Amino acid sequence: MLILDQTKTAAECAQQLLYAAKESGGNPKATHVHGDIDESAEAMSSSIQELVSSIEKLAPNVGVVSKLVNCITEAIFTVDDYRSVSVSGGLGTGQAALSSGDFVGLQSRMMTSTKEIARTAQEIVIKSSSDPGQLGKLASHISECYQELARDAKGASGEMARNNPEMGARIRSSVQELGQATIELIKATGSCQLTPNDTFALKDVSENAREVGEKVIKRRQLNERDLCSLKVLLPEAQRQQ
């Protein structure tokens, strides 16, 4: 919003300068409008300097935000690369029994990561109004947490690739949805750092943090459901040995 407002101001100053110059008509004797021209030119120069200053401040922040967004985007695609995971076992005729410890361990780490993502999202909301200087650090942390979640989701999905494709698909889709919500939150965080007093930026952070929280709840519910399903699958695999 700040960049937009400053661009609008610069355009309005340019318009006033144009009107003053037109009234002068290139006539050096039209001294009655020379003061208006000088004033308009000074206002335009000042507005452009403010706009350039804001863009220069924004540039490093945009670079950081872009880097974090790219990291999460790559992690989202990583989840889809589950077929490259070495599957420890399977549930079915002619396959070895699934190692429950591996899958449960992955799910446990995923639960820890999602909890930390939710906690950090709420911390971002708090700091967005009380201490905007901390937002960059929090955005980096939530990005790291998601990347860990994506790696574990890839492993868990790979474990289920042949045993329970539906469960594997649920893991991938829920984690990827959370990734997209996290990207939007990081973008909102970057905007808030630039304009910390902008009510629209603060609202955007709050709404995106709430979306992240909802996706975390969905992932945790699916996590509990998957663990319950695993308790059923393991005895069946043992009977097939």
Protein backbone atom coordinates (compact mmCIF):
# COMPACT_ATOMS: atom_id res chain seq x y z
CA MET A 1 0.00 0.00 0.00
CA LEU A 2 2.86 2.42 0.79
CA ILE A 3 4.43 2.02 -2.66
CA LEU A 4 1.05 2.46 -4.31
CA ASP A 5 0.28 5.62 -2.32
CA GLN A 6 3.69 7.13 -3.03
CA THR A 7 3.37 6.33 -6.75
CA LYS A 8 -0.02 8.03 -6.76
CA THR A 9 1.45 11.08 -5.03
CA ALA A 10 4.30 11.31 -7.56
CA ALA A 11 1.80 11.08 -10.43
CA GLU A 12 -0.36 13.84 -8.93
CA CYS A 13 2.69 16.08 -8.50
CA ALA A 14 3.65 15.45 -12.10
CA GLN A 15 0.14 16.38 -13.18
CA GLN A 16 0.28 19.66 -11.26
CA LEU A 17 3.67 20.45 -12.80
CA LEU A 18 2.25 19.76 -16.25
CA TYR A 19 -0.72 22.08 -15.65
CA ALA A 20 1.56 24.86 -14.39
CA ALA A 21 3.92 24.48 -17.34
CA LYS A 22 0.99 24.51 -19.76
CA GLU A 23 -0.35 27.70 -18.21
CA SER A 24 3.04 29.29 -18.63
CA GLY A 25 2.98 28.26 -22.28
CA GLY A 26 6.75 28.58 -22.54
CA ASN A 27 6.43 32.33 -22.05
CA PRO A 28 9.29 33.64 -19.87
CA LYS A 29 7.26 36.78 -19.23
CA ALA A 30 4.45 34.84 -17.52
CA THR A 31 6.05 35.43 -14.16
CA HIS A 32 2.75 34.99 -12.31
CA VAL A 33 2.97 31.19 -12.77
CA HIS A 34 6.71 30.76 -12.24
CA GLY A 35 6.16 30.28 -8.53
CA ASP A 36 3.62 27.51 -9.19
CA ILE A 37 6.04 25.77 -11.55
CA ASP A 38 8.88 25.89 -9.01
CA GLU A 39 6.61 24.62 -6.23
CA SER A 40 5.23 21.78 -8.38
CA ALA A 41 8.72 20.78 -9.55
CA GLU A 42 9.98 20.70 -5.95
CA ALA A 43 6.98 18.62 -4.83
CA MET A 44 7.49 16.17 -7.68
CA SER A 45 11.21 15.81 -6.93
CA SER A 46 10.48 15.19 -3.25
CA SER A 47 7.78 12.60 -3.98
CA ILE A 48 10.05 10.71 -6.38
CA GLN A 49 12.87 10.67 -3.83
CA GLU A 50 10.50 9.20 -1.22
CA LEU A 51 9.33 6.56 -3.70
CA VAL A 52 12.90 5.59 -4.62
CA SER A 53 13.84 5.39 -0.94
CA SER A 54 10.94 3.05 -0.21
CA ILE A 55 11.81 0.81 -3.15
CA GLU A 56 15.42 0.62 -2.00
CA LYS A 57 14.25 -0.45 1.47
CA LEU A 58 11.88 -2.98 -0.05
CA ALA A 59 14.44 -4.60 -2.37
CA PRO A 60 16.38 -6.61 0.28
CA ASN A 61 13.14 -7.69 1.96
CA VAL A 62 11.70 -8.86 -1.35
CA GLY A 63 14.85 -10.90 -1.94
CA VAL A 64 14.54 -12.65 1.43
CA VAL A 65 10.83 -13.32 0.98
CA SER A 66 11.41 -14.67 -2.53
CA LYS A 67 14.12 -17.01 -1.24
CA LEU A 68 11.86 -18.38 1.52
CA VAL A 69 8.96 -18.81 -0.90
CA ASN A 70 11.21 -20.67 -3.34
CA CYS A 71 12.43 -22.99 -0.56
CA ILE A 72 8.88 -23.89 0.43
CA THR A 73 7.82 -24.30 -3.19
CA GLU A 74 10.67 -26.73 -3.77
CA ALA A 75 9.70 -28.60 -0.59
CA ILE A 76 6.10 -28.89 -1.85
CA PHE A 77 7.35 -30.50 -5.06
CA THR A 78 9.64 -32.74 -3.01
CA VAL A 79 6.61 -34.32 -1.35
CA ASP A 80 5.44 -35.53 -4.77
CA ASP A 81 8.79 -37.26 -5.31
CA TYR A 82 7.85 -39.98 -2.80
CA ARG A 83 8.56 -42.79 -5.28
CA SER A 84 12.29 -42.24 -4.82
CA VAL A 85 12.01 -43.16 -1.14
CA SER A 86 13.35 -46.55 -0.14
CA VAL A 87 10.32 -48.41 1.16
CA SER A 88 11.13 -50.57 4.17
CA GLY A 89 8.34 -53.01 3.73
CA GLY A 90 4.82 -53.68 2.48
CA LEU A 91 1.47 -55.04 3.43
CA GLY A 92 0.38 -57.76 1.10
CA THR A 93 1.11 -61.19 -0.27
CA GLY A 94 4.73 -61.69 -1.19
CA GLN A 95 5.87 -58.53 0.59
CA ALA A 96 7.68 -58.11 3.86
CA ALA A 97 5.78 -56.72 6.82
CA LEU A 98 5.83 -52.96 7.21
CA SER A 99 8.18 -51.58 9.84
CA SER A 100 5.77 -49.73 12.10
CA GLY A 101 8.62 -47.99 13.91
CA ASP A 102 9.74 -46.14 10.77
CA PHE A 103 6.28 -44.92 9.87
CA VAL A 104 5.29 -43.99 13.42
CA GLY A 105 8.59 -42.14 13.84
CA LEU A 106 7.95 -40.13 10.69
CA GLN A 107 4.41 -39.32 11.76
CA SER A 108 5.65 -38.27 15.19
CA ARG A 109 8.17 -35.86 13.66
CA MET A 110 5.49 -34.53 11.33
CA MET A 111 3.27 -33.83 14.34
CA THR A 112 6.11 -31.94 16.04
CA SER A 113 6.77 -29.87 12.90
CA THR A 114 3.09 -28.97 12.41
CA LYS A 115 2.79 -27.88 16.04
CA GLU A 116 5.83 -25.64 15.66
CA ILE A 117 4.46 -24.18 12.42
CA ALA A 118 1.18 -23.34 14.17
CA ARG A 119 3.00 -21.82 17.15
CA THR A 120 5.24 -19.71 14.89
CA ALA A 121 2.26 -18.52 12.84
CA GLN A 122 0.63 -17.20 16.01
CA GLU A 123 3.91 -15.61 17.08
CA ILE A 124 4.06 -13.83 13.73
CA VAL A 125 0.60 -12.36 14.35
CA ILE A 126 1.70 -11.06 17.77
CA LYS A 127 5.01 -9.62 16.55
CA SER A 128 3.44 -8.04 13.47
CA SER A 129 1.94 -5.36 15.71
CA SER A 130 4.30 -5.36 18.69
CA ASP A 131 7.76 -6.00 17.21
CA PRO A 132 7.87 -6.12 13.36
CA GLY A 133 11.65 -6.38 13.46
CA GLN A 134 11.30 -10.03 14.53
CA LEU A 135 9.16 -11.04 11.54
CA GLY A 136 12.09 -11.92 9.26
CA LYS A 137 13.51 -14.34 11.80
CA LEU A 138 10.10 -15.93 12.39
CA ALA A 139 9.46 -16.27 8.65
CA SER A 140 12.79 -18.07 8.22
CA HIS A 141 11.96 -20.39 11.12
CA ILE A 142 8.54 -21.34 9.79
CA SER A 143 10.12 -22.04 6.40
CA GLU A 144 12.67 -24.38 7.99
CA CYS A 145 9.93 -26.17 9.92
CA TYR A 146 7.94 -26.74 6.75
CA GLN A 147 10.94 -28.09 4.89
CA GLU A 148 11.46 -30.64 7.67
CA LEU A 149 7.78 -31.54 7.52
CA ALA A 150 7.97 -32.01 3.75
CA ARG A 151 10.96 -34.35 4.04
CA ASP A 152 9.18 -36.50 6.62
CA ALA A 153 5.96 -36.43 4.60
CA LYS A 154 7.90 -37.69 1.59
CA GLY A 155 9.24 -40.58 3.68
CA ALA A 156 5.86 -41.43 5.20
CA SER A 157 4.19 -41.25 1.80
CA GLY A 158 6.88 -43.51 0.37
CA GLU A 159 6.25 -46.05 3.14
CA MET A 160 2.58 -46.13 2.11
CA ALA A 161 3.18 -46.07 -1.67
CA ARG A 162 2.45 -49.78 -2.14
CA ASN A 163 0.73 -50.55 1.15
CA ASN A 164 -2.01 -47.96 1.29
CA PRO A 165 -1.99 -45.49 -1.64
CA GLU A 166 -5.01 -43.63 -0.27
CA MET A 167 -3.23 -42.89 2.99
CA GLY A 168 -0.14 -41.76 1.10
CA ALA A 169 -2.23 -39.42 -1.04
CA ARG A 170 -3.80 -37.90 2.07
CA ILE A 171 -0.38 -37.22 3.55
CA ARG A 172 0.86 -35.53 0.37
CA SER A 173 -2.21 -33.38 -0.24
CA SER A 174 -2.56 -32.12 3.35
CA VAL A 175 1.14 -31.24 3.61
CA GLN A 176 1.11 -29.48 0.25
CA GLU A 177 -1.99 -27.47 1.22
CA LEU A 178 -0.21 -26.39 4.38
CA GLY A 179 2.78 -25.39 2.27
CA GLN A 180 0.68 -23.11 0.08
CA ALA A 181 -0.87 -21.48 3.15
CA THR A 182 2.61 -20.98 4.63
CA ILE A 183 3.79 -19.27 1.44
CA GLU A 184 0.92 -16.78 1.64
CA LEU A 185 1.72 -16.08 5.29
CA ILE A 186 5.38 -15.40 4.48
CA LYS A 187 4.37 -13.02 1.69
CA ALA A 188 2.04 -11.18 4.07
CA THR A 189 4.84 -11.05 6.64
CA GLY A 190 7.14 -9.40 4.11
CA SER A 191 4.53 -6.74 3.33
CA CYS A 192 3.99 -6.11 7.02
CA GLN A 193 7.72 -5.55 7.55
CA LEU A 194 7.67 -2.83 4.93
CA THR A 195 4.51 -1.11 6.25
CA PRO A 196 4.18 -2.18 9.91
CA ASN A 197 1.46 0.37 10.66
CA ASP A 198 -0.71 -0.54 7.70
CA THR A 199 -3.98 -2.01 9.00
CA PHE A 200 -4.51 -3.90 5.75
CA ALA A 201 -1.09 -5.55 6.05
CA LEU A 202 -1.77 -6.53 9.66
CA LYS A 203 -5.15 -7.97 8.70
CA ASP A 204 -3.55 -9.93 5.87
CA VAL A 205 -1.03 -11.45 8.29
CA SER A 206 -3.79 -12.41 10.73
CA GLU A 207 -5.99 -14.01 8.06
CA ASN A 208 -3.14 -16.01 6.54
CA ALA A 209 -1.97 -17.16 9.98
CA ARG A 210 -5.50 -18.39 10.67
CA GLU A 211 -5.43 -20.31 7.38
CA VAL A 212 -2.14 -21.93 8.38
CA GLY A 213 -3.70 -22.92 11.71
CA GLU A 214 -6.65 -24.54 9.97
CA LYS A 215 -4.36 -26.54 7.68
CA VAL A 216 -2.31 -27.65 10.69
CA ILE A 217 -5.46 -28.90 12.44
CA LYS A 218 -6.42 -30.84 9.32
CA ARG A 219 -2.96 -32.43 9.10
CA ARG A 220 -2.99 -33.42 12.77
CA GLN A 221 -6.43 -34.99 12.43
CA LEU A 222 -5.26 -37.00 9.43
CA ASN A 223 -2.13 -37.96 11.32
CA GLU A 224 -4.19 -39.46 14.13
CA ARG A 225 -6.41 -41.21 11.59
CA ASP A 226 -3.40 -42.70 9.80
CA LEU A 227 -1.93 -44.04 13.02
CA CYS A 228 -5.24 -45.73 13.86
CA SER A 229 -5.31 -47.27 10.37
CA LEU A 230 -1.77 -48.54 10.85
CA LYS A 231 -2.84 -50.49 13.94
CA VAL A 232 -5.31 -52.35 11.74
CA LEU A 233 -2.91 -52.89 8.84
CA LEU A 234 -0.09 -54.38 10.88
CA PRO A 235 -2.00 -57.42 12.21
CA GLU A 236 -3.25 -58.15 8.69
CA ALA A 237 0.33 -58.08 7.39
CA GLN A 238 1.44 -60.44 10.13
CA ARG A 239 -1.28 -62.94 9.23
CA GLN A 240 -0.13 -62.89 5.58
CA GLN A 241 3.44 -63.85 6.44
